Amino acid sequence: MADLSIPEITNKGKEYRSELLVNKVYKKKGLKNNFMTKQGLFHAESIIIGKINGKPEKYQPRLFNKILALNGTRTPLFLEGKFSGKNTKVKVKINDIEKSQEFGGQPSGGKKVNLGNVFEADLHNRMVEILQGKNPKGKLAKEAAKILEMTAKAMGSPVKHAEHVGGKNTSRPIVLQGMYPIILPADPVAHGEKLTDITLKHDNNKFTYLSLKYGDTLTFINSGVAKEHFLENDMKDGSVSMKSGKQILKAFGVNNQKFCKVFNDYGKGDKQVNPHEVKVKLDKTILKKLLETAIGANYWMVHLEKNGSMYFWQITKAKNSQYSNVSGDATLYYGGKQGRGKRIDLEFSNQFFDFQMNIRNKQRELYPSHIMLDYTSKAATGKKKL
């Protein structure tokens, strides 16, 4: 079984694990303070951040935020407690704690279940049953029926067939078109077929594309940047020279030289970038072109949150144009939220979404490998709870 680590409980999409860790250690919300290690069962009693002889943290509801702040740093994290059957308190590093199923590890005797894949399969199966004239009950049956009815009404034609196409390799690279970085294909409407997980065929031979998303924080962009935009040798020299890389940085208000310095200085004395949190102006024109193709159009979003709530809404070309309008200030973090990481983070918003952009290395190396654009949707998108 794999072990826990700072990235395993703080990276995007895994933040809930920091709160879970706190609640387990301090036995909150009915949880037990049991953790498995290579040395056996361990009963944690407190958390220590920093030096091994540091002062244990007292429980507070927002303690997990201090753990999230460790993302991208080298600050260690320890659990203090006792091994089962022992009376002596000891300190165990987070990396010595086995990654149990509740932290996203593999269940005993089998492979880890991908809940996003389960969501896709369940919804598709309910749709097929309905289209076969059956009356399915239970998980997602009601939601499947509503989606079939709403898409049929929007298309003006009943659904005849539902195909599960999730998992197909549909690349959407980031490229430079003229002066504008975009996500291919260049036409936002063409992204519907790229983003579909379930494709519905109607009686009039037209198609509805459903993009299924599971979880609380979702992603519009997850594109490689190492080979085409941010070359390692250029960054070592202190400046991004590729035109595409320069325009990506310009869109988000990122200073070219300071961007390179974040990565070049990482690990040299664990110093904080100064200043690491700054207000920046976004390039509205360049960013709009990028967001138009990142968001795409000509599909329906089906979003299942971890709490079981499901939202459904159509993303048309007109809505895409509205969704991609962003102006004003944004908050940029050189070196991440704490200014010591090998990454940059940017937070910005409009009336439809809260966006979180980051550029970092996803392979545990130093220089950037990917640009990510995560988002949470707001009521103004027109999303409806099913």
Protein backbone atom coordinates (compact mmCIF):
# COMPACT_ATOMS: atom_id res chain seq x y z
CA MET A 1 0.00 0.00 0.00
CA ALA A 2 1.23 3.54 -0.77
CA ASP A 3 2.09 6.05 1.95
CA LEU A 4 0.70 9.49 2.73
CA SER A 5 2.72 12.65 2.07
CA ILE A 6 2.24 16.42 2.08
CA PRO A 7 1.24 16.45 -1.64
CA GLU A 8 -1.17 13.54 -1.03
CA ILE A 9 -3.17 15.63 1.44
CA THR A 10 -2.74 19.16 0.02
CA ASN A 11 -2.68 19.03 -3.79
CA LYS A 12 -5.65 20.23 -5.84
CA GLY A 13 -8.57 17.88 -5.52
CA LYS A 14 -7.08 16.27 -2.40
CA GLU A 15 -7.58 19.13 0.08
CA TYR A 16 -10.36 17.26 1.89
CA ARG A 17 -7.72 14.80 3.11
CA SER A 18 -6.12 17.49 5.29
CA GLU A 19 -9.40 18.03 7.10
CA LEU A 20 -9.90 14.26 7.32
CA LEU A 21 -6.44 13.89 8.87
CA VAL A 22 -7.21 16.52 11.53
CA ASN A 23 -10.58 14.97 12.38
CA LYS A 24 -9.06 11.49 12.71
CA VAL A 25 -6.13 12.57 14.87
CA TYR A 26 -8.35 14.55 17.25
CA LYS A 27 -11.25 12.06 17.06
CA LYS A 28 -13.79 14.52 15.68
CA LYS A 29 -16.99 13.75 13.74
CA GLY A 30 -17.07 10.21 15.09
CA LEU A 31 -13.72 9.24 13.56
CA LYS A 32 -11.10 7.03 15.22
CA ASN A 33 -7.45 8.04 15.58
CA ASN A 34 -6.15 4.78 14.12
CA PHE A 35 -3.43 4.80 11.45
CA MET A 36 -1.51 1.89 9.96
CA THR A 37 2.27 2.14 9.58
CA LYS A 38 5.01 -0.30 8.58
CA GLN A 39 5.62 -0.77 12.33
CA GLY A 40 1.99 -1.58 13.03
CA LEU A 41 -1.16 0.16 14.27
CA PHE A 42 -0.60 3.70 15.55
CA HIS A 43 -3.00 5.76 17.69
CA ALA A 44 -2.34 9.45 16.93
CA GLU A 45 -3.07 12.11 19.53
CA SER A 46 -1.77 15.34 18.03
CA ILE A 47 -0.15 16.95 14.98
CA ILE A 48 3.25 18.64 14.91
CA ILE A 49 4.14 21.01 12.07
CA GLY A 50 7.81 21.84 11.50
CA LYS A 51 10.58 20.45 13.70
CA ILE A 52 10.12 17.01 15.26
CA ASN A 53 10.55 18.54 18.73
CA GLY A 54 8.05 21.27 17.97
CA LYS A 55 4.96 22.04 20.02
CA PRO A 56 1.90 19.87 19.26
CA GLU A 57 -0.99 21.72 17.63
CA LYS A 58 -4.14 22.21 19.68
CA TYR A 59 -7.33 21.25 17.89
CA GLN A 60 -9.25 23.99 16.15
CA PRO A 61 -11.82 23.61 13.34
CA ARG A 62 -9.58 25.37 10.78
CA LEU A 63 -6.34 23.60 11.72
CA PHE A 64 -6.38 21.86 8.36
CA ASN A 65 -5.68 25.23 6.70
CA LYS A 66 -2.23 25.24 8.33
CA ILE A 67 -1.62 21.86 6.74
CA LEU A 68 -2.82 23.05 3.32
CA ALA A 69 -0.32 25.90 3.60
CA LEU A 70 2.49 23.31 3.53
CA ASN A 71 1.79 22.61 -0.15
CA GLY A 72 4.93 23.15 -2.22
CA THR A 73 7.17 23.58 0.85
CA ARG A 74 9.68 21.32 2.57
CA THR A 75 8.19 21.79 6.03
CA PRO A 76 7.74 18.36 7.66
CA LEU A 77 4.58 17.08 9.34
CA PHE A 78 4.49 14.60 12.21
CA LEU A 79 1.80 12.73 14.14
CA GLU A 80 2.42 12.23 17.85
CA GLY A 81 0.87 9.28 19.64
CA LYS A 82 1.41 5.68 20.72
CA PHE A 83 1.77 2.40 18.91
CA SER A 84 -0.85 -0.18 19.80
CA GLY A 85 0.17 -2.00 23.01
CA LYS A 86 2.82 0.60 23.90
CA ASN A 87 2.73 3.31 26.58
CA THR A 88 5.49 5.56 25.26
CA LYS A 89 4.63 8.54 23.09
CA VAL A 90 6.49 8.70 19.79
CA LYS A 91 6.43 10.89 16.70
CA VAL A 92 5.74 9.43 13.26
CA LYS A 93 6.42 11.35 10.03
CA ILE A 94 3.44 11.66 7.69
CA ASN A 95 5.37 9.72 5.02
CA ASP A 96 5.39 6.65 7.33
CA ILE A 97 1.57 6.57 7.49
CA GLU A 98 0.00 4.13 5.07
CA LYS A 99 -2.52 5.59 2.61
CA SER A 100 -5.74 3.87 3.62
CA GLN A 101 -8.86 3.73 1.49
CA GLU A 102 -10.43 6.76 3.21
CA PHE A 103 -7.45 8.81 2.00
CA GLY A 104 -7.84 7.51 -1.55
CA GLY A 105 -5.71 4.41 -1.22
CA GLN A 106 -6.53 1.02 -2.67
CA PRO A 107 -9.00 -1.08 -0.72
CA SER A 108 -7.61 -4.24 0.80
CA GLY A 109 -7.44 -7.03 -1.76
CA GLY A 110 -8.40 -4.90 -4.77
CA LYS A 111 -7.79 -1.85 -6.90
CA LYS A 112 -8.85 1.66 -5.98
CA VAL A 113 -12.28 2.57 -7.30
CA ASN A 114 -12.41 5.64 -9.55
CA LEU A 115 -15.65 7.31 -8.46
CA GLY A 116 -15.75 9.44 -11.62
CA ASN A 117 -15.76 6.30 -13.75
CA VAL A 118 -18.44 4.75 -11.53
CA PHE A 119 -20.56 7.88 -11.99
CA GLU A 120 -20.27 7.67 -15.78
CA ALA A 121 -21.14 3.98 -15.89
CA ASP A 122 -24.09 4.29 -13.51
CA LEU A 123 -25.66 7.22 -15.34
CA HIS A 124 -25.19 5.56 -18.73
CA ASN A 125 -26.68 2.28 -17.51
CA ARG A 126 -29.79 4.05 -16.17
CA MET A 127 -30.23 5.86 -19.49
CA VAL A 128 -29.95 2.61 -21.45
CA GLU A 129 -32.53 0.96 -19.20
CA ILE A 130 -34.95 3.85 -19.72
CA LEU A 131 -34.43 3.79 -23.50
CA GLN A 132 -35.16 0.05 -23.41
CA GLY A 133 -38.55 0.78 -21.91
CA LYS A 134 -37.62 -0.35 -18.43
CA ASN A 135 -38.46 1.49 -15.21
CA PRO A 136 -35.15 1.62 -13.32
CA LYS A 137 -35.07 2.36 -9.63
CA GLY A 138 -32.32 3.47 -7.32
CA LYS A 139 -29.04 5.22 -8.04
CA LEU A 140 -29.28 8.04 -10.63
CA ALA A 141 -32.54 6.73 -12.16
CA LYS A 142 -34.43 9.96 -11.51
CA GLU A 143 -31.55 12.11 -12.76
CA ALA A 144 -31.14 10.01 -15.93
CA ALA A 145 -34.82 10.40 -16.76
CA LYS A 146 -34.69 14.17 -16.28
CA ILE A 147 -31.60 14.52 -18.49
CA LEU A 148 -33.18 12.52 -21.30
CA GLU A 149 -36.33 14.62 -21.10
CA MET A 150 -34.54 17.99 -20.95
CA THR A 151 -32.15 17.24 -23.82
CA ALA A 152 -34.99 15.89 -25.97
CA LYS A 153 -36.94 19.10 -25.38
CA ALA A 154 -33.92 21.27 -26.20
CA MET A 155 -33.20 19.32 -29.39
CA GLY A 156 -36.87 19.05 -30.38
CA SER A 157 -36.45 15.32 -30.87
CA PRO A 158 -36.53 12.26 -28.57
CA VAL A 159 -33.37 10.40 -27.64
CA LYS A 160 -32.94 7.05 -29.39
CA HIS A 161 -29.53 5.90 -28.20
CA ALA A 162 -26.96 6.64 -25.46
CA GLU A 163 -23.29 5.83 -26.02
CA HIS A 164 -20.71 5.85 -23.22
CA VAL A 165 -17.55 7.34 -24.76
CA GLY A 166 -15.76 8.50 -21.59
CA GLY A 167 -12.12 7.50 -21.45
CA LYS A 168 -11.38 7.98 -25.13
CA ASN A 169 -8.17 9.86 -25.86
CA THR A 170 -9.34 13.37 -26.76
CA SER A 171 -6.32 15.65 -26.67
CA ARG A 172 -6.86 19.40 -26.17
CA PRO A 173 -3.36 20.96 -26.32
CA ILE A 174 -2.59 24.61 -25.69
CA VAL A 175 -1.11 26.35 -28.76
CA LEU A 176 -0.44 29.85 -30.01
CA GLN A 177 -2.76 31.19 -32.72
CA GLY A 178 -1.43 34.54 -33.86
CA MET A 179 -0.95 36.43 -30.60
CA TYR A 180 -3.42 34.34 -28.65
CA PRO A 181 -2.81 31.16 -26.64
CA ILE A 182 -5.81 28.87 -27.13
CA ILE A 183 -6.88 25.30 -26.47
CA LEU A 184 -7.39 23.35 -29.68
CA PRO A 185 -9.72 23.17 -31.53
CA ALA A 186 -9.95 26.92 -32.17
CA ASP A 187 -13.76 26.96 -32.47
CA PRO A 188 -15.38 26.68 -29.00
CA VAL A 189 -18.34 24.81 -30.51
CA ALA A 190 -16.02 22.02 -31.70
CA HIS A 191 -15.12 21.20 -28.09
CA GLY A 192 -18.49 19.62 -27.36
CA GLU A 193 -17.56 16.42 -29.18
CA LYS A 194 -14.13 16.46 -27.52
CA LEU A 195 -15.51 16.82 -24.00
CA THR A 196 -18.36 14.31 -24.21
CA ASP A 197 -18.52 11.34 -21.84
CA ILE A 198 -22.02 10.23 -22.88
CA THR A 199 -23.31 11.04 -26.37
CA LEU A 200 -27.05 10.98 -26.99
CA LYS A 201 -28.37 10.37 -30.50
CA HIS A 202 -31.80 11.84 -31.26
CA ASP A 203 -34.47 10.72 -33.69
CA ASN A 204 -33.59 13.63 -35.99
CA ASN A 205 -30.01 12.23 -36.24
CA LYS A 206 -28.56 15.09 -34.19
CA PHE A 207 -26.38 14.58 -31.14
CA THR A 208 -26.28 15.88 -27.58
CA TYR A 209 -22.93 15.80 -25.81
CA LEU A 210 -22.81 15.30 -22.03
CA SER A 211 -19.62 16.18 -20.12
CA LEU A 212 -19.68 14.41 -16.76
CA LYS A 213 -17.72 15.82 -13.84
CA TYR A 214 -17.32 14.34 -10.36
CA GLY A 215 -15.99 16.14 -7.30
CA ASP A 216 -16.01 19.62 -5.82
CA THR A 217 -13.19 21.28 -7.78
CA LEU A 218 -13.20 20.76 -11.55
CA THR A 219 -10.74 21.46 -14.35
CA PHE A 220 -10.99 23.37 -17.64
CA ILE A 221 -7.29 23.16 -18.58
CA ASN A 222 -4.74 20.41 -17.93
CA SER A 223 -2.14 20.95 -20.64
CA GLY A 224 1.55 20.19 -20.99
CA VAL A 225 3.86 23.21 -21.26
CA ALA A 226 7.41 21.85 -20.92
CA LYS A 227 8.18 21.12 -24.59
CA GLU A 228 6.40 23.97 -26.38
CA HIS A 229 6.04 26.92 -24.00
CA PHE A 230 8.36 26.96 -20.97
CA LEU A 231 11.69 25.44 -21.99
CA GLU A 232 13.91 24.41 -19.07
CA ASN A 233 17.10 25.89 -20.56
CA ASP A 234 15.41 29.26 -21.12
CA MET A 235 14.10 29.32 -17.56
CA LYS A 236 17.54 28.49 -16.19
CA ASP A 237 18.78 31.56 -18.10
CA GLY A 238 16.15 33.64 -16.32
CA SER A 239 13.55 34.40 -18.99
CA VAL A 240 10.94 32.54 -21.04
CA SER A 241 11.79 33.16 -24.69
CA MET A 242 9.08 31.17 -26.50
CA LYS A 243 6.43 33.52 -27.87
CA SER A 244 3.64 31.18 -26.75
CA GLY A 245 5.02 31.04 -23.20
CA LYS A 246 5.30 34.81 -23.06
CA GLN A 247 1.67 35.23 -24.13
CA ILE A 248 0.43 32.69 -21.59
CA LEU A 249 2.20 34.64 -18.84
CA LYS A 250 0.88 37.93 -20.21
CA ALA A 251 -2.70 36.66 -20.18
CA PHE A 252 -2.46 35.99 -16.45
CA GLY A 253 -0.38 39.04 -15.48
CA VAL A 254 2.72 37.00 -14.58
CA ASN A 255 6.16 38.66 -14.62
CA ASN A 256 8.45 36.61 -16.87
CA GLN A 257 11.68 37.01 -14.88
CA LYS A 258 10.06 36.56 -11.49
CA PHE A 259 8.29 33.45 -12.79
CA CYS A 260 11.65 31.89 -13.73
CA LYS A 261 13.22 32.99 -10.46
CA VAL A 262 10.61 31.03 -8.46
CA PHE A 263 11.83 27.78 -9.98
CA ASN A 264 15.52 28.67 -10.17
CA ASP A 265 15.64 29.64 -6.47
CA TYR A 266 13.58 26.71 -5.19
CA GLY A 267 15.44 24.74 -2.52
CA LYS A 268 18.06 27.43 -1.94
CA GLY A 269 17.61 28.09 1.77
CA ASP A 270 13.83 27.66 1.79
CA LYS A 271 13.41 31.43 1.47
CA GLN A 272 10.02 32.96 0.80
CA VAL A 273 9.57 34.90 -2.44
CA ASN A 274 9.29 38.57 -1.52
CA PRO A 275 6.67 39.72 -2.17
CA HIS A 276 4.98 36.42 -2.99
CA GLU A 277 1.35 37.63 -2.95
CA VAL A 278 0.59 40.41 -5.43
CA LYS A 279 -2.39 41.94 -7.17
CA VAL A 280 -2.10 41.77 -10.95
CA LYS A 281 -4.03 43.02 -13.95
CA LEU A 282 -5.35 40.36 -16.30
CA ASP A 283 -5.11 40.88 -20.05
CA LYS A 284 -8.83 40.75 -20.80
CA THR A 285 -8.46 40.26 -24.56
CA ILE A 286 -5.84 37.50 -24.49
CA LEU A 287 -7.45 35.71 -21.54
CA LYS A 288 -10.89 35.73 -23.15
CA LYS A 289 -9.57 33.88 -26.22
CA LEU A 290 -7.95 31.29 -23.97
CA LEU A 291 -11.03 30.84 -21.78
CA GLU A 292 -13.37 30.54 -24.76
CA THR A 293 -11.54 27.43 -25.92
CA ALA A 294 -10.84 26.13 -22.41
CA ILE A 295 -14.53 26.20 -21.51
CA GLY A 296 -15.82 25.19 -24.94
CA ALA A 297 -19.44 25.06 -26.07
CA ASN A 298 -22.07 22.77 -27.62
CA TYR A 299 -22.42 20.42 -24.67
CA TRP A 300 -24.26 19.93 -21.37
CA MET A 301 -22.41 19.89 -18.06
CA VAL A 302 -23.43 17.11 -15.65
CA HIS A 303 -21.74 17.72 -12.29
CA LEU A 304 -22.06 15.32 -9.38
CA GLU A 305 -20.66 16.73 -6.14
CA LYS A 306 -19.21 14.52 -3.44
CA ASN A 307 -22.22 15.26 -1.23
CA GLY A 308 -24.51 13.65 -3.84
CA SER A 309 -25.96 16.86 -5.33
CA MET A 310 -26.13 16.80 -9.13
CA TYR A 311 -26.29 19.89 -11.34
CA PHE A 312 -27.10 20.10 -15.04
CA TRP A 313 -26.87 22.95 -17.52
CA GLN A 314 -26.27 23.62 -21.19
CA ILE A 315 -23.18 25.46 -22.41
CA THR A 316 -24.04 27.17 -25.69
CA LYS A 317 -21.89 29.45 -27.84
CA ALA A 318 -23.69 32.49 -26.37
CA LYS A 319 -23.07 31.31 -22.80
CA ASN A 320 -19.45 30.57 -23.65
CA SER A 321 -18.97 34.18 -24.69
CA GLN A 322 -20.38 35.34 -21.35
CA TYR A 323 -18.49 32.79 -19.25
CA SER A 324 -15.13 33.82 -20.74
CA ASN A 325 -15.40 37.53 -19.88
CA VAL A 326 -12.99 38.33 -17.04
CA SER A 327 -11.63 41.71 -16.04
CA GLY A 328 -10.13 43.49 -13.07
CA ASP A 329 -7.58 42.41 -10.51
CA ALA A 330 -6.46 38.90 -9.67
CA THR A 331 -4.34 37.56 -6.83
CA LEU A 332 -1.08 35.94 -7.89
CA TYR A 333 1.07 33.83 -5.60
CA TYR A 334 4.71 33.42 -6.64
CA GLY A 335 5.93 30.22 -5.04
CA GLY A 336 2.40 29.13 -4.13
CA LYS A 337 0.29 30.31 -1.20
CA GLN A 338 3.29 30.30 1.17
CA GLY A 339 5.82 31.65 -1.32
CA ARG A 340 8.21 28.72 -0.95
CA GLY A 341 6.91 26.26 -3.53
CA LYS A 342 8.03 25.37 -7.06
CA ARG A 343 4.84 26.76 -8.59
CA ILE A 344 2.75 29.84 -9.16
CA ASP A 345 -0.95 30.12 -8.33
CA LEU A 346 -3.49 32.65 -9.54
CA GLU A 347 -7.02 33.26 -8.26
CA PHE A 348 -9.58 35.24 -10.24
CA SER A 349 -13.34 35.30 -10.71
CA ASN A 350 -16.32 36.48 -12.70
CA GLN A 351 -20.03 36.16 -11.96
CA PHE A 352 -20.08 32.57 -13.28
CA PHE A 353 -16.94 30.92 -11.90
CA ASP A 354 -14.16 31.14 -9.35
CA PHE A 355 -10.97 30.20 -11.20
CA GLN A 356 -7.70 28.83 -9.80
CA MET A 357 -4.77 28.64 -12.23
CA ASN A 358 -1.43 27.06 -11.42
CA ILE A 359 1.74 26.29 -13.35
CA ARG A 360 3.87 23.55 -11.79
CA ASN A 361 5.57 20.22 -12.35
CA LYS A 362 3.32 17.19 -11.97
CA GLN A 363 6.13 14.62 -12.16
CA ARG A 364 7.94 15.72 -8.98
CA GLU A 365 10.66 17.44 -11.00
CA LEU A 366 11.54 21.13 -10.78
CA TYR A 367 10.60 23.08 -13.89
CA PRO A 368 6.96 23.40 -15.07
CA SER A 369 5.35 20.49 -16.87
CA HIS A 370 1.68 21.60 -16.87
CA ILE A 371 -0.70 24.49 -16.63
CA MET A 372 -3.93 23.76 -14.76
CA LEU A 373 -7.10 25.84 -14.65
CA ASP A 374 -9.55 24.63 -12.01
CA TYR A 375 -12.92 26.17 -11.27
CA THR A 376 -16.01 26.10 -9.12
CA SER A 377 -19.31 27.10 -10.73
CA LYS A 378 -21.80 29.68 -9.45
CA ALA A 379 -25.58 29.94 -9.70
CA ALA A 380 -25.27 32.51 -12.51
CA THR A 381 -24.17 29.74 -14.90
CA GLY A 382 -27.81 28.68 -14.98
CA LYS A 383 -27.11 25.29 -13.45
CA LYS A 384 -30.13 23.41 -12.16
CA LYS A 385 -30.13 20.86 -9.38
CA LEU A 386 -31.60 17.56 -10.57
